[in-house]
Amino acid sequence: MKKWLLSLPLCLLAATATSCAQIDKIVKEYEAKKEATQAESDQIRNADLDNPVASLSVEQISDEFESNSILAEDKYMNKPVEISGYISAIDDSMFGEDEVGVQINGGEFSIATVACSVPRKSPIVSQLKKGDRVTVRGVITSEEMGIGMSRGKFYDFKTEQWIGGSAATRTSVASAKNTEIIASNQKFEVQESGDSEQSGTCQFNDGSVPCIVSSDRNGISMIWSDGVTENYTHTPDGNLVDTRGGLWIYESTGSGFQIRHSNGNMITFTPT
């Protein structure tokens, strides 16, 4: 009886020490998780939208996540990315009444989508609409229920200006690191007779729009039926540079032509 009474305080002391160790472990795990969450929030908040780690089409980034989501997360999660496509929907967001979800796809027959959450009062909501061709710069923040972005700002090809985000400057749509020259020996063929103008169809990635293309020795202009006008200047090696400094590689397709940006965007002109 005496031995049991003597051992009781030791048992209580041991139990208390074990409980304290468990509590200390839980506190440390909580603090570590809190610090990691704060670091992630800081990374998203401080990301430089005008210095994206990649410039891609909707299909390209969707294919990467579909092929290997782990590798895609390592490359893009919580980092600024530039994505080009068409607005497929502007609707209420699941994140609250103050947010609106803007969905972007690759065109009329594209099933790949990227969703960007923006404030309901953002000019993005009032100035853009379904079918508009855009480039969005934002931070990739999720992929469990589809690729999601935050802090997005949109380049509207109709007005040729940035909307929303932390800046509205007319900087290059393509990141500087993605405007490297793609090797090509193809030369732009200019008619000796001077200026020319042709009607036809301009296909941007998976979307097609009637257009008029005029060309001369200085460059070409594309007038799209949706109100967009794009101007390109010849480079010494026979390729093209757009008004935002992006390099496009020219390739003849017989009666028409195709121009290809280093970010994967492609425009094909087919005359009628």
Protein backbone atom coordinates (compact mmCIF):
# COMPACT_ATOMS: atom_id res chain seq x y z
CA MET A 1 0.00 0.00 0.00
CA LYS A 2 2.79 2.36 0.91
CA LYS A 3 4.68 1.49 -2.31
CA TRP A 4 1.56 2.30 -4.34
CA LEU A 5 1.08 5.61 -2.56
CA LEU A 6 4.74 6.49 -3.14
CA SER A 7 4.53 5.66 -6.85
CA LEU A 8 1.35 7.72 -7.42
CA PRO A 9 3.06 11.15 -7.52
CA LEU A 10 5.65 9.74 -9.93
CA CYS A 11 2.89 8.48 -12.23
CA LEU A 12 1.13 11.83 -12.09
CA LEU A 13 4.39 13.63 -12.79
CA ALA A 14 5.11 11.35 -15.76
CA ALA A 15 1.58 11.81 -17.14
CA THR A 16 1.86 15.58 -16.78
CA ALA A 17 5.21 15.60 -18.59
CA THR A 18 3.75 13.51 -21.44
CA SER A 19 0.72 15.80 -21.76
CA CYS A 20 2.94 18.87 -21.76
CA ALA A 21 5.11 17.34 -24.50
CA GLN A 22 2.04 16.62 -26.62
CA ILE A 23 0.67 20.12 -26.11
CA ASP A 24 4.05 21.62 -26.97
CA LYS A 25 4.15 19.54 -30.16
CA ILE A 26 0.66 20.68 -31.16
CA VAL A 27 1.57 24.33 -30.52
CA LYS A 28 4.74 24.06 -32.61
CA GLU A 29 2.86 22.40 -35.49
CA TYR A 30 0.22 25.13 -35.35
CA GLU A 31 2.84 27.89 -35.37
CA ALA A 32 4.68 26.26 -38.29
CA LYS A 33 1.44 25.95 -40.28
CA LYS A 34 0.55 29.56 -39.46
CA GLU A 35 3.95 30.77 -40.68
CA ALA A 36 3.65 28.72 -43.88
CA THR A 37 0.18 30.14 -44.56
CA GLN A 38 1.43 33.67 -43.97
CA ALA A 39 4.42 33.10 -46.25
CA GLU A 40 2.07 31.81 -48.98
CA SER A 41 -0.20 34.86 -48.60
CA ASP A 42 2.82 37.18 -48.80
CA GLN A 43 4.04 35.41 -51.93
CA ILE A 44 0.65 35.86 -53.62
CA ARG A 45 0.29 39.48 -52.50
CA ASN A 46 3.83 40.49 -53.50
CA ALA A 47 4.00 38.64 -56.83
CA ASP A 48 5.00 40.94 -59.70
CA LEU A 49 2.22 40.56 -62.28
CA ASP A 50 4.31 42.32 -64.92
CA ASN A 51 7.06 39.72 -64.60
CA PRO A 52 5.20 36.40 -65.15
CA VAL A 53 7.10 33.13 -64.93
CA ALA A 54 5.40 31.94 -68.12
CA SER A 55 3.16 33.18 -70.93
CA LEU A 56 0.73 30.47 -72.09
CA SER A 57 -2.57 29.81 -73.79
CA VAL A 58 -5.47 28.32 -71.81
CA GLU A 59 -4.94 24.97 -73.54
CA GLN A 60 -1.22 24.89 -72.76
CA ILE A 61 -1.52 25.41 -69.02
CA SER A 62 -4.53 23.07 -68.80
CA ASP A 63 -2.57 20.35 -70.62
CA GLU A 64 0.34 20.73 -68.20
CA PHE A 65 -1.89 20.30 -65.13
CA GLU A 66 -3.70 17.41 -66.82
CA SER A 67 -0.45 15.65 -67.74
CA ASN A 68 1.25 16.03 -64.36
CA SER A 69 -0.37 18.26 -61.75
CA ILE A 70 2.56 17.85 -59.32
CA LEU A 71 5.09 19.24 -61.77
CA ALA A 72 2.66 21.95 -62.86
CA GLU A 73 2.10 23.00 -59.24
CA ASP A 74 5.85 23.28 -58.68
CA LYS A 75 6.14 25.50 -61.76
CA TYR A 76 3.11 27.76 -61.36
CA MET A 77 1.42 27.59 -57.94
CA ASN A 78 1.38 30.97 -56.14
CA LYS A 79 3.37 32.51 -58.99
CA PRO A 80 2.41 35.16 -61.58
CA VAL A 81 1.43 33.72 -64.97
CA GLU A 82 0.16 35.26 -68.21
CA ILE A 83 -2.66 33.39 -69.99
CA SER A 84 -4.35 34.23 -73.31
CA GLY A 85 -7.81 33.19 -74.47
CA TYR A 86 -11.44 34.26 -74.69
CA ILE A 87 -13.89 35.14 -71.92
CA SER A 88 -16.45 32.35 -71.70
CA ALA A 89 -18.42 33.57 -68.65
CA ILE A 90 -18.64 36.35 -66.07
CA ASP A 91 -20.73 35.17 -63.12
CA ASP A 92 -21.10 35.05 -59.34
CA SER A 93 -18.17 33.59 -57.47
CA MET A 94 -18.28 30.81 -54.89
CA PHE A 95 -15.97 32.89 -52.70
CA GLY A 96 -18.61 35.41 -51.67
CA GLU A 97 -20.94 38.14 -52.82
CA ASP A 98 -18.11 40.65 -53.19
CA GLU A 99 -16.32 38.47 -55.76
CA VAL A 100 -17.06 37.66 -59.41
CA GLY A 101 -15.65 34.72 -61.35
CA VAL A 102 -14.32 35.41 -64.85
CA GLN A 103 -13.82 32.24 -66.89
CA ILE A 104 -11.46 32.07 -69.86
CA ASN A 105 -11.26 29.35 -72.50
CA GLY A 106 -9.41 28.77 -75.74
CA GLY A 107 -12.27 29.60 -78.07
CA GLU A 108 -15.65 28.38 -79.26
CA PHE A 109 -14.79 24.66 -79.27
CA SER A 110 -12.38 24.65 -76.34
CA ILE A 111 -13.20 22.73 -73.16
CA ALA A 112 -10.12 23.95 -71.27
CA THR A 113 -10.88 26.79 -68.84
CA VAL A 114 -9.15 29.00 -66.30
CA ALA A 115 -11.13 30.93 -63.68
CA CYS A 116 -10.05 34.26 -62.22
CA SER A 117 -11.71 35.77 -59.17
CA VAL A 118 -12.02 39.58 -59.25
CA PRO A 119 -13.80 42.17 -57.04
CA ARG A 120 -17.42 42.80 -58.05
CA LYS A 121 -16.69 46.53 -58.30
CA SER A 122 -13.69 46.01 -60.59
CA PRO A 123 -13.86 47.69 -64.02
CA ILE A 124 -13.17 44.22 -65.42
CA VAL A 125 -16.79 43.29 -64.65
CA SER A 126 -18.27 46.35 -66.38
CA GLN A 127 -15.95 46.62 -69.38
CA LEU A 128 -15.53 43.01 -70.53
CA LYS A 129 -18.07 40.51 -71.84
CA LYS A 130 -18.37 36.93 -73.05
CA GLY A 131 -16.46 36.33 -76.28
CA ASP A 132 -13.87 39.07 -75.75
CA ARG A 133 -10.31 38.13 -76.62
CA VAL A 134 -8.07 38.84 -73.62
CA THR A 135 -4.76 38.18 -71.95
CA VAL A 136 -4.87 37.89 -68.17
CA ARG A 137 -2.01 38.25 -65.73
CA GLY A 138 -2.62 36.82 -62.30
CA VAL A 139 -1.37 34.44 -59.64
CA ILE A 140 -2.24 30.73 -59.85
CA THR A 141 -3.76 29.87 -56.47
CA SER A 142 -5.69 26.60 -56.94
CA GLU A 143 -6.22 23.59 -59.19
CA GLU A 144 -8.40 21.19 -57.18
CA MET A 145 -11.64 22.35 -58.88
CA GLY A 146 -9.97 23.64 -62.02
CA ILE A 147 -7.18 26.16 -62.47
CA GLY A 148 -7.89 29.28 -60.42
CA MET A 149 -6.22 32.68 -60.40
CA SER A 150 -6.34 35.75 -58.18
CA ARG A 151 -5.17 39.37 -58.47
CA GLY A 152 -5.94 39.23 -62.18
CA LYS A 153 -5.63 42.12 -64.57
CA PHE A 154 -6.85 41.81 -68.16
CA TYR A 155 -5.53 43.13 -71.45
CA ASP A 156 -8.52 44.00 -73.64
CA PHE A 157 -7.66 43.69 -77.34
CA LYS A 158 -10.59 45.93 -78.31
CA THR A 159 -9.29 48.95 -76.40
CA GLU A 160 -5.63 47.86 -76.33
CA GLN A 161 -5.25 48.55 -72.63
CA TRP A 162 -4.98 46.78 -69.30
CA ILE A 163 -8.04 46.65 -67.04
CA GLY A 164 -7.99 45.96 -63.30
CA GLY A 165 -5.08 44.70 -61.24
CA SER A 166 -2.54 46.91 -59.56
CA ALA A 167 -1.51 48.67 -62.77
CA ALA A 168 -3.15 49.74 -66.01
CA THR A 169 -0.10 50.46 -68.13
CA ARG A 170 0.24 49.37 -71.74
CA THR A 171 3.23 47.12 -71.16
CA SER A 172 4.05 44.18 -73.39
CA VAL A 173 1.42 41.45 -73.40
CA ALA A 174 4.21 38.90 -73.57
CA SER A 175 6.73 38.64 -70.74
CA ALA A 176 10.18 39.88 -71.72
CA LYS A 177 11.63 36.49 -70.95
CA ASN A 178 9.21 34.92 -73.43
CA THR A 179 10.02 37.18 -76.40
CA GLU A 180 13.15 35.31 -77.35
CA ILE A 181 13.60 34.80 -81.08
CA ILE A 182 12.39 31.43 -82.36
CA ALA A 183 14.72 30.11 -85.06
CA SER A 184 13.14 30.51 -88.47
CA ASN A 185 14.40 31.00 -92.03
CA GLN A 186 10.97 31.93 -93.34
CA LYS A 187 10.78 35.40 -94.91
CA PHE A 188 7.70 37.55 -95.21
CA GLU A 189 6.70 37.81 -98.84
CA VAL A 190 5.78 41.36 -99.87
CA GLN A 191 4.24 42.06 -103.23
CA GLU A 192 6.49 44.08 -105.51
CA SER A 193 3.51 46.11 -106.68
CA GLY A 194 3.18 47.78 -103.26
CA ASP A 195 0.25 47.75 -100.84
CA SER A 196 -2.32 44.93 -100.81
CA GLU A 197 -5.56 44.23 -98.98
CA GLN A 198 -7.42 40.95 -98.60
CA SER A 199 -10.59 39.83 -96.85
CA GLY A 200 -10.73 36.47 -95.11
CA THR A 201 -10.80 34.72 -91.77
CA CYS A 202 -8.39 35.33 -88.90
CA GLN A 203 -8.11 32.39 -86.51
CA PHE A 204 -6.65 33.14 -83.07
CA ASN A 205 -5.82 29.78 -81.48
CA ASP A 206 -9.22 28.01 -81.61
CA GLY A 207 -11.45 31.01 -82.36
CA SER A 208 -12.20 32.37 -85.86
CA VAL A 209 -13.31 35.89 -86.79
CA PRO A 210 -13.83 37.51 -90.23
CA CYS A 211 -11.09 40.06 -90.91
CA ILE A 212 -9.30 42.25 -93.44
CA VAL A 213 -5.52 42.09 -93.77
CA SER A 214 -3.56 44.85 -95.45
CA SER A 215 0.19 44.67 -96.07
CA ASP A 216 3.00 46.84 -97.38
CA ARG A 217 6.78 46.92 -97.12
CA ASN A 218 6.64 48.21 -93.54
CA GLY A 219 4.32 45.60 -92.09
CA ILE A 220 0.75 44.31 -91.93
CA SER A 221 -2.51 45.31 -90.26
CA MET A 222 -5.32 42.97 -89.21
CA ILE A 223 -8.78 44.50 -88.85
CA TRP A 224 -11.02 42.02 -87.01
CA SER A 225 -14.80 42.17 -87.31
CA ASP A 226 -15.09 42.31 -83.51
CA GLY A 227 -13.52 45.79 -83.58
CA VAL A 228 -9.90 44.83 -82.87
CA THR A 229 -7.11 46.20 -85.06
CA GLU A 230 -3.63 44.70 -84.76
CA ASN A 231 -0.56 46.26 -86.39
CA TYR A 232 2.72 44.44 -87.00
CA THR A 233 6.07 45.77 -88.24
CA HIS A 234 8.57 43.76 -90.28
CA THR A 235 11.86 42.75 -88.68
CA PRO A 236 15.12 42.50 -90.68
CA ASP A 237 14.89 38.68 -90.67
CA GLY A 238 11.38 38.69 -92.18
CA ASN A 239 9.30 38.18 -89.04
CA LEU A 240 6.92 40.60 -87.26
CA VAL A 241 6.77 42.68 -84.08
CA ASP A 242 3.45 43.84 -82.61
CA THR A 243 2.79 47.24 -81.01
CA ARG A 244 3.47 45.79 -77.56
CA GLY A 245 6.94 44.54 -78.51
CA GLY A 246 6.00 40.89 -78.96
CA LEU A 247 7.85 38.92 -81.64
CA TRP A 248 5.80 36.80 -84.08
CA ILE A 249 7.33 34.23 -86.44
CA TYR A 250 5.86 34.38 -89.95
CA GLU A 251 5.14 31.32 -92.08
CA SER A 252 3.45 31.20 -95.45
CA THR A 253 0.53 28.77 -95.86
CA GLY A 254 0.09 29.14 -99.60
CA SER A 255 -2.60 31.74 -100.22
CA GLY A 256 -2.52 32.89 -96.59
CA PHE A 257 -0.08 32.94 -93.71
CA GLN A 258 0.40 32.01 -90.07
CA ILE A 259 2.19 33.99 -87.35
CA ARG A 260 3.32 32.35 -84.12
CA HIS A 261 4.31 33.97 -80.82
CA SER A 262 6.89 32.40 -78.49
CA ASN A 263 4.17 32.13 -75.80
CA GLY A 264 2.26 29.63 -77.97
CA ASN A 265 -0.38 31.99 -79.36
CA MET A 266 -0.97 31.63 -83.08
CA ILE A 267 -2.92 33.60 -85.68
CA THR A 268 -3.77 32.11 -89.07
CA PHE A 269 -5.10 34.19 -91.96
CA THR A 270 -7.07 32.43 -94.68
CA PRO A 271 -8.22 34.66 -97.57
CA THR A 272 -11.68 34.23 -99.10
